[in-house]
Amino acid sequence: MDTLIKALQGTPWWVYVLFFYLLSLGIKAIKPMIIPLKKLFLLPGVFLVWSLWNLNNNFGLNFTKWMLWLAALSIGAFSGWLINRSFKLKADKSKMLVTTPGGYSTLVMILLIFLTKYFFGYTYSTHPEAKQVAFIVFADILSSGVITGLFVGRGLTFLYKFKKAKSESLA
């Protein structure tokens, strides 16, 4: 318990702001929403940039690690498609609006990636030698790629469904 308190006390203020912002997005996603199509790519974009920054910042431009991340991203994207392929979308193509199904999956994925990033960030800051432990590095890269891929796969699935949907007014 003491370690948890120290970890929370040592956490930069902006991490709390990011956490509560992402939490609010996840809570909003519980209910079906009508959103601009481009907003579908906000979370995948944020998590993609965060994942790439983390990969480059922690491990550098190593071909093997990048390929591992790309493979994990592909697995996550395929899984994101599998999870979201049955959702029904309504599209307003003239206004570029789309309905998103409500549910807890976005909230769970947001919390999962945040906690994973927090865990590895804490581990690396308190034990810098952990960046040299193959299992830890593998777990970080794999989890980052898969979770990011889930968001990317979801976004691409919804984009595909938007393009295939019959346009109707969603105002």
C-alpha atoms as a PDB file:
ATOM      1  CA  MET A   1       0.000   0.000   0.000  1.00  0.00           C
ATOM      2  CA  ASP A   2       2.906   2.306   0.784  1.00  0.00           C
ATOM      3  CA  THR A   3       4.268   1.772  -2.746  1.00  0.00           C
ATOM      4  CA  LEU A   4       0.909   2.747  -4.263  1.00  0.00           C
ATOM      5  CA  ILE A   5       0.768   5.944  -2.207  1.00  0.00           C
ATOM      6  CA  LYS A   6       4.340   6.842  -3.199  1.00  0.00           C
ATOM      7  CA  ALA A   7       3.539   6.130  -6.848  1.00  0.00           C
ATOM      8  CA  LEU A   8       0.471   8.369  -6.747  1.00  0.00           C
ATOM      9  CA  GLN A   9       2.368  11.138  -4.939  1.00  0.00           C
ATOM     10  CA  GLY A  10       5.152  11.009  -7.523  1.00  0.00           C
ATOM     11  CA  THR A  11       2.772  11.168 -10.471  1.00  0.00           C
ATOM     12  CA  PRO A  12       2.975  14.425 -12.466  1.00  0.00           C
ATOM     13  CA  TRP A  13      -0.156  16.594 -12.357  1.00  0.00           C
ATOM     14  CA  TRP A  14      -0.776  16.279 -16.098  1.00  0.00           C
ATOM     15  CA  VAL A  15      -1.203  12.493 -15.753  1.00  0.00           C
ATOM     16  CA  TYR A  16      -4.201  13.107 -13.476  1.00  0.00           C
ATOM     17  CA  VAL A  17      -5.660  15.591 -15.974  1.00  0.00           C
ATOM     18  CA  LEU A  18      -5.193  13.063 -18.771  1.00  0.00           C
ATOM     19  CA  PHE A  19      -6.716  10.288 -16.666  1.00  0.00           C
ATOM     20  CA  PHE A  20      -9.862  12.257 -15.826  1.00  0.00           C
ATOM     21  CA  TYR A  21     -10.243  13.460 -19.409  1.00  0.00           C
ATOM     22  CA  LEU A  22      -9.970   9.908 -20.761  1.00  0.00           C
ATOM     23  CA  LEU A  23     -12.277   8.647 -18.015  1.00  0.00           C
ATOM     24  CA  SER A  24     -14.896  11.239 -18.996  1.00  0.00           C
ATOM     25  CA  LEU A  25     -14.660  10.127 -22.645  1.00  0.00           C
ATOM     26  CA  GLY A  26     -15.120   6.511 -21.604  1.00  0.00           C
ATOM     27  CA  ILE A  27     -18.133   7.326 -19.434  1.00  0.00           C
ATOM     28  CA  LYS A  28     -19.738   9.337 -22.249  1.00  0.00           C
ATOM     29  CA  ALA A  29     -19.238   6.355 -24.574  1.00  0.00           C
ATOM     30  CA  ILE A  30     -21.488   4.183 -22.397  1.00  0.00           C
ATOM     31  CA  LYS A  31     -24.533   5.786 -24.035  1.00  0.00           C
ATOM     32  CA  PRO A  32     -25.116   5.766 -27.807  1.00  0.00           C
ATOM     33  CA  MET A  33     -24.039   9.056 -29.334  1.00  0.00           C
ATOM     34  CA  ILE A  34     -24.250  10.954 -32.575  1.00  0.00           C
ATOM     35  CA  ILE A  35     -20.788  12.291 -33.354  1.00  0.00           C
ATOM     36  CA  PRO A  36     -18.900  13.772 -36.302  1.00  0.00           C
ATOM     37  CA  LEU A  37     -17.146  11.052 -38.295  1.00  0.00           C
ATOM     38  CA  LYS A  38     -13.723  12.599 -37.667  1.00  0.00           C
ATOM     39  CA  LYS A  39     -14.259  12.251 -33.910  1.00  0.00           C
ATOM     40  CA  LEU A  40     -14.184   8.465 -34.361  1.00  0.00           C
ATOM     41  CA  PHE A  41     -10.458   8.800 -34.866  1.00  0.00           C
ATOM     42  CA  LEU A  42      -9.678  11.012 -31.861  1.00  0.00           C
ATOM     43  CA  LEU A  43      -8.970   8.180 -29.406  1.00  0.00           C
ATOM     44  CA  PRO A  44      -7.257   5.912 -31.935  1.00  0.00           C
ATOM     45  CA  GLY A  45      -5.086   8.877 -32.945  1.00  0.00           C
ATOM     46  CA  VAL A  46      -4.217   9.808 -29.363  1.00  0.00           C
ATOM     47  CA  PHE A  47      -3.370   6.233 -28.426  1.00  0.00           C
ATOM     48  CA  LEU A  48      -1.435   5.653 -31.658  1.00  0.00           C
ATOM     49  CA  VAL A  49       0.739   8.730 -31.067  1.00  0.00           C
ATOM     50  CA  TRP A  50       1.163   7.839 -27.386  1.00  0.00           C
ATOM     51  CA  SER A  51       2.128   4.273 -28.245  1.00  0.00           C
ATOM     52  CA  LEU A  52       4.624   5.339 -30.928  1.00  0.00           C
ATOM     53  CA  TRP A  53       6.116   7.996 -28.669  1.00  0.00           C
ATOM     54  CA  ASN A  54       6.457   5.449 -25.873  1.00  0.00           C
ATOM     55  CA  LEU A  55       8.048   2.897 -28.183  1.00  0.00           C
ATOM     56  CA  ASN A  56      10.562   5.384 -29.575  1.00  0.00           C
ATOM     57  CA  ASN A  57      11.257   7.103 -26.247  1.00  0.00           C
ATOM     58  CA  ASN A  58      11.764   3.898 -24.263  1.00  0.00           C
ATOM     59  CA  PHE A  59      13.356   1.583 -26.807  1.00  0.00           C
ATOM     60  CA  GLY A  60      14.619   3.622 -29.745  1.00  0.00           C
ATOM     61  CA  LEU A  61      14.478   2.748 -33.405  1.00  0.00           C
ATOM     62  CA  ASN A  62      15.064  -0.974 -33.153  1.00  0.00           C
ATOM     63  CA  PHE A  63      13.750  -2.950 -36.146  1.00  0.00           C
ATOM     64  CA  THR A  64      12.804  -6.037 -34.113  1.00  0.00           C
ATOM     65  CA  LYS A  65      10.863  -4.031 -31.534  1.00  0.00           C
ATOM     66  CA  TRP A  66       9.079  -2.030 -34.232  1.00  0.00           C
ATOM     67  CA  MET A  67       8.096  -5.252 -36.012  1.00  0.00           C
ATOM     68  CA  LEU A  68       6.825  -6.715 -32.738  1.00  0.00           C
ATOM     69  CA  TRP A  69       4.778  -3.572 -32.163  1.00  0.00           C
ATOM     70  CA  LEU A  70       3.381  -3.668 -35.715  1.00  0.00           C
ATOM     71  CA  ALA A  71       2.442  -7.337 -35.320  1.00  0.00           C
ATOM     72  CA  ALA A  72       0.730  -6.573 -32.000  1.00  0.00           C
ATOM     73  CA  LEU A  73      -1.031  -3.561 -33.566  1.00  0.00           C
ATOM     74  CA  SER A  74      -2.285  -5.802 -36.381  1.00  0.00           C
ATOM     75  CA  ILE A  75      -3.582  -8.392 -33.914  1.00  0.00           C
ATOM     76  CA  GLY A  76      -5.313  -5.636 -31.952  1.00  0.00           C
ATOM     77  CA  ALA A  77      -6.811  -4.075 -35.096  1.00  0.00           C
ATOM     78  CA  PHE A  78      -8.147  -7.443 -36.249  1.00  0.00           C
ATOM     79  CA  SER A  79      -9.583  -8.026 -32.769  1.00  0.00           C
ATOM     80  CA  GLY A  80     -11.125  -4.541 -32.847  1.00  0.00           C
ATOM     81  CA  TRP A  81     -12.821  -5.458 -36.097  1.00  0.00           C
ATOM     82  CA  LEU A  82     -14.081  -8.770 -34.665  1.00  0.00           C
ATOM     83  CA  ILE A  83     -15.492  -7.057 -31.569  1.00  0.00           C
ATOM     84  CA  ASN A  84     -17.196  -4.239 -33.487  1.00  0.00           C
ATOM     85  CA  ARG A  85     -18.243  -5.867 -36.750  1.00  0.00           C
ATOM     86  CA  SER A  86     -21.790  -6.660 -35.576  1.00  0.00           C
ATOM     87  CA  PHE A  87     -22.617  -3.146 -34.365  1.00  0.00           C
ATOM     88  CA  LYS A  88     -25.229  -1.324 -36.409  1.00  0.00           C
ATOM     89  CA  LEU A  89     -24.337   2.194 -37.410  1.00  0.00           C
ATOM     90  CA  LYS A  90     -26.522   4.964 -38.718  1.00  0.00           C
ATOM     91  CA  ALA A  91     -24.874   7.517 -40.953  1.00  0.00           C
ATOM     92  CA  ASP A  92     -25.709  11.020 -42.057  1.00  0.00           C
ATOM     93  CA  LYS A  93     -23.356  11.365 -44.985  1.00  0.00           C
ATOM     94  CA  SER A  94     -24.303  14.926 -45.841  1.00  0.00           C
ATOM     95  CA  LYS A  95     -23.398  16.142 -42.344  1.00  0.00           C
ATOM     96  CA  MET A  96     -20.677  13.496 -41.829  1.00  0.00           C
ATOM     97  CA  LEU A  97     -22.344  12.247 -38.634  1.00  0.00           C
ATOM     98  CA  VAL A  98     -22.457   8.727 -37.291  1.00  0.00           C
ATOM     99  CA  THR A  99     -24.146   6.992 -34.380  1.00  0.00           C
ATOM    100  CA  THR A 100     -21.901   5.004 -32.101  1.00  0.00           C
ATOM    101  CA  PRO A 101     -23.334   2.160 -30.060  1.00  0.00           C
ATOM    102  CA  GLY A 102     -23.220   2.624 -26.334  1.00  0.00           C
ATOM    103  CA  GLY A 103     -21.392   0.196 -24.131  1.00  0.00           C
ATOM    104  CA  TYR A 104     -18.612  -0.270 -21.664  1.00  0.00           C
ATOM    105  CA  SER A 105     -15.951  -1.447 -24.126  1.00  0.00           C
ATOM    106  CA  THR A 106     -14.492   2.026 -24.748  1.00  0.00           C
ATOM    107  CA  LEU A 107     -14.297   2.748 -21.022  1.00  0.00           C
ATOM    108  CA  VAL A 108     -12.668  -0.608 -20.337  1.00  0.00           C
ATOM    109  CA  MET A 109     -10.149  -0.158 -23.166  1.00  0.00           C
ATOM    110  CA  ILE A 110      -9.295   3.378 -22.010  1.00  0.00           C
ATOM    111  CA  LEU A 111      -8.727   2.227 -18.446  1.00  0.00           C
ATOM    112  CA  LEU A 112      -6.744  -0.771 -19.653  1.00  0.00           C
ATOM    113  CA  ILE A 113      -4.340   1.250 -21.771  1.00  0.00           C
ATOM    114  CA  PHE A 114      -4.001   3.981 -19.158  1.00  0.00           C
ATOM    115  CA  LEU A 115      -3.242   1.523 -16.359  1.00  0.00           C
ATOM    116  CA  THR A 116      -0.836  -0.400 -18.578  1.00  0.00           C
ATOM    117  CA  LYS A 117       1.031   2.770 -19.554  1.00  0.00           C
ATOM    118  CA  TYR A 118       1.027   3.937 -15.941  1.00  0.00           C
ATOM    119  CA  PHE A 119       2.379   0.591 -14.735  1.00  0.00           C
ATOM    120  CA  PHE A 120       5.232   0.504 -17.234  1.00  0.00           C
ATOM    121  CA  GLY A 121       5.982   4.215 -16.761  1.00  0.00           C
ATOM    122  CA  TYR A 122       6.212   3.713 -13.013  1.00  0.00           C
ATOM    123  CA  THR A 123       8.314   0.578 -13.449  1.00  0.00           C
ATOM    124  CA  TYR A 124      10.793   2.323 -15.750  1.00  0.00           C
ATOM    125  CA  SER A 125      11.043   5.418 -13.567  1.00  0.00           C
ATOM    126  CA  THR A 126      11.692   3.442 -10.373  1.00  0.00           C
ATOM    127  CA  HIS A 127      13.719   0.645 -11.982  1.00  0.00           C
ATOM    128  CA  PRO A 128      15.455   1.987 -15.122  1.00  0.00           C
ATOM    129  CA  GLU A 129      17.178  -1.377 -15.580  1.00  0.00           C
ATOM    130  CA  ALA A 130      13.745  -2.853 -16.400  1.00  0.00           C
ATOM    131  CA  LYS A 131      14.155  -1.475 -19.936  1.00  0.00           C
ATOM    132  CA  GLN A 132      16.855  -4.120 -20.372  1.00  0.00           C
ATOM    133  CA  VAL A 133      14.691  -7.054 -19.221  1.00  0.00           C
ATOM    134  CA  ALA A 134      13.409  -8.794 -22.348  1.00  0.00           C
ATOM    135  CA  PHE A 135      10.166 -10.062 -20.803  1.00  0.00           C
ATOM    136  CA  ILE A 136       9.183  -6.617 -19.507  1.00  0.00           C
ATOM    137  CA  VAL A 137      10.043  -4.933 -22.792  1.00  0.00           C
ATOM    138  CA  PHE A 138       8.132  -7.621 -24.711  1.00  0.00           C
ATOM    139  CA  ALA A 139       5.085  -7.227 -22.441  1.00  0.00           C
ATOM    140  CA  ASP A 140       5.155  -3.425 -22.802  1.00  0.00           C
ATOM    141  CA  ILE A 141       5.441  -3.460 -26.580  1.00  0.00           C
ATOM    142  CA  LEU A 142       2.892  -6.230 -27.009  1.00  0.00           C
ATOM    143  CA  SER A 143       0.290  -4.682 -24.708  1.00  0.00           C
ATOM    144  CA  SER A 144       0.775  -1.235 -26.212  1.00  0.00           C
ATOM    145  CA  GLY A 145       0.387  -2.510 -29.754  1.00  0.00           C
ATOM    146  CA  VAL A 146      -2.630  -4.726 -29.068  1.00  0.00           C
ATOM    147  CA  ILE A 147      -4.570  -2.152 -27.064  1.00  0.00           C
ATOM    148  CA  THR A 148      -3.825   0.618 -29.561  1.00  0.00           C
ATOM    149  CA  GLY A 149      -4.808  -1.757 -32.353  1.00  0.00           C
ATOM    150  CA  LEU A 150      -8.181  -2.351 -30.702  1.00  0.00           C
ATOM    151  CA  PHE A 151      -8.959   1.369 -31.032  1.00  0.00           C
ATOM    152  CA  VAL A 152      -7.610   1.530 -34.581  1.00  0.00           C
ATOM    153  CA  GLY A 153      -9.600  -1.561 -35.593  1.00  0.00           C
ATOM    154  CA  ARG A 154     -12.756  -0.118 -34.094  1.00  0.00           C
ATOM    155  CA  GLY A 155     -12.282   3.196 -35.888  1.00  0.00           C
ATOM    156  CA  LEU A 156     -11.623   1.522 -39.236  1.00  0.00           C
ATOM    157  CA  THR A 157     -14.600  -0.812 -38.784  1.00  0.00           C
ATOM    158  CA  PHE A 158     -16.893   2.122 -38.063  1.00  0.00           C
ATOM    159  CA  LEU A 159     -15.490   4.026 -41.047  1.00  0.00           C
ATOM    160  CA  TYR A 160     -16.198   1.028 -43.292  1.00  0.00           C
ATOM    161  CA  LYS A 161     -19.716   0.732 -41.873  1.00  0.00           C
ATOM    162  CA  PHE A 162     -20.227   4.468 -42.392  1.00  0.00           C
ATOM    163  CA  LYS A 163     -19.289   4.165 -46.057  1.00  0.00           C
ATOM    164  CA  LYS A 164     -21.606   1.160 -46.548  1.00  0.00           C
ATOM    165  CA  ALA A 165     -24.553   2.606 -44.570  1.00  0.00           C
ATOM    166  CA  LYS A 166     -27.555   4.194 -46.167  1.00  0.00           C
ATOM    167  CA  SER A 167     -27.580   7.909 -45.375  1.00  0.00           C
ATOM    168  CA  GLU A 168     -30.292   9.196 -43.063  1.00  0.00           C
ATOM    169  CA  SER A 169     -30.795  12.416 -41.127  1.00  0.00           C
ATOM    170  CA  LEU A 170     -29.241  12.296 -37.645  1.00  0.00           C
ATOM    171  CA  ALA A 171     -29.696  15.958 -36.698  1.00  0.00           C
END
